[in-house]
Amino acid sequence: MLPDEQASPEQIAALRRMSGQRRLRLAEHLYWSARKMKAAWLQTQHPDWREEEVNAELSRIFRYART
């Protein structure tokens, strides 16, 4: 992990104050936001693709994603 990717002490403290349920909702929101951004990028790269093709590629990308 790069230094600028690490959470600051303030971010860590804020996350620790959150309930588990709130952290889970936040993670879910981030996941769906990432999918929307990736879908928009795919559509710009492949304007001829149908929605089904974009969704299939999204599924493939997120299925094999690594952190």
Foldseek 3Di string as FASTA:
>chain_A
DDPVPDDDPVRVVVVVVDDPVVVVVVVVVVVVVVLVVQLVVVCVVCVPDDPVVSVVVSCVCVVPDDD
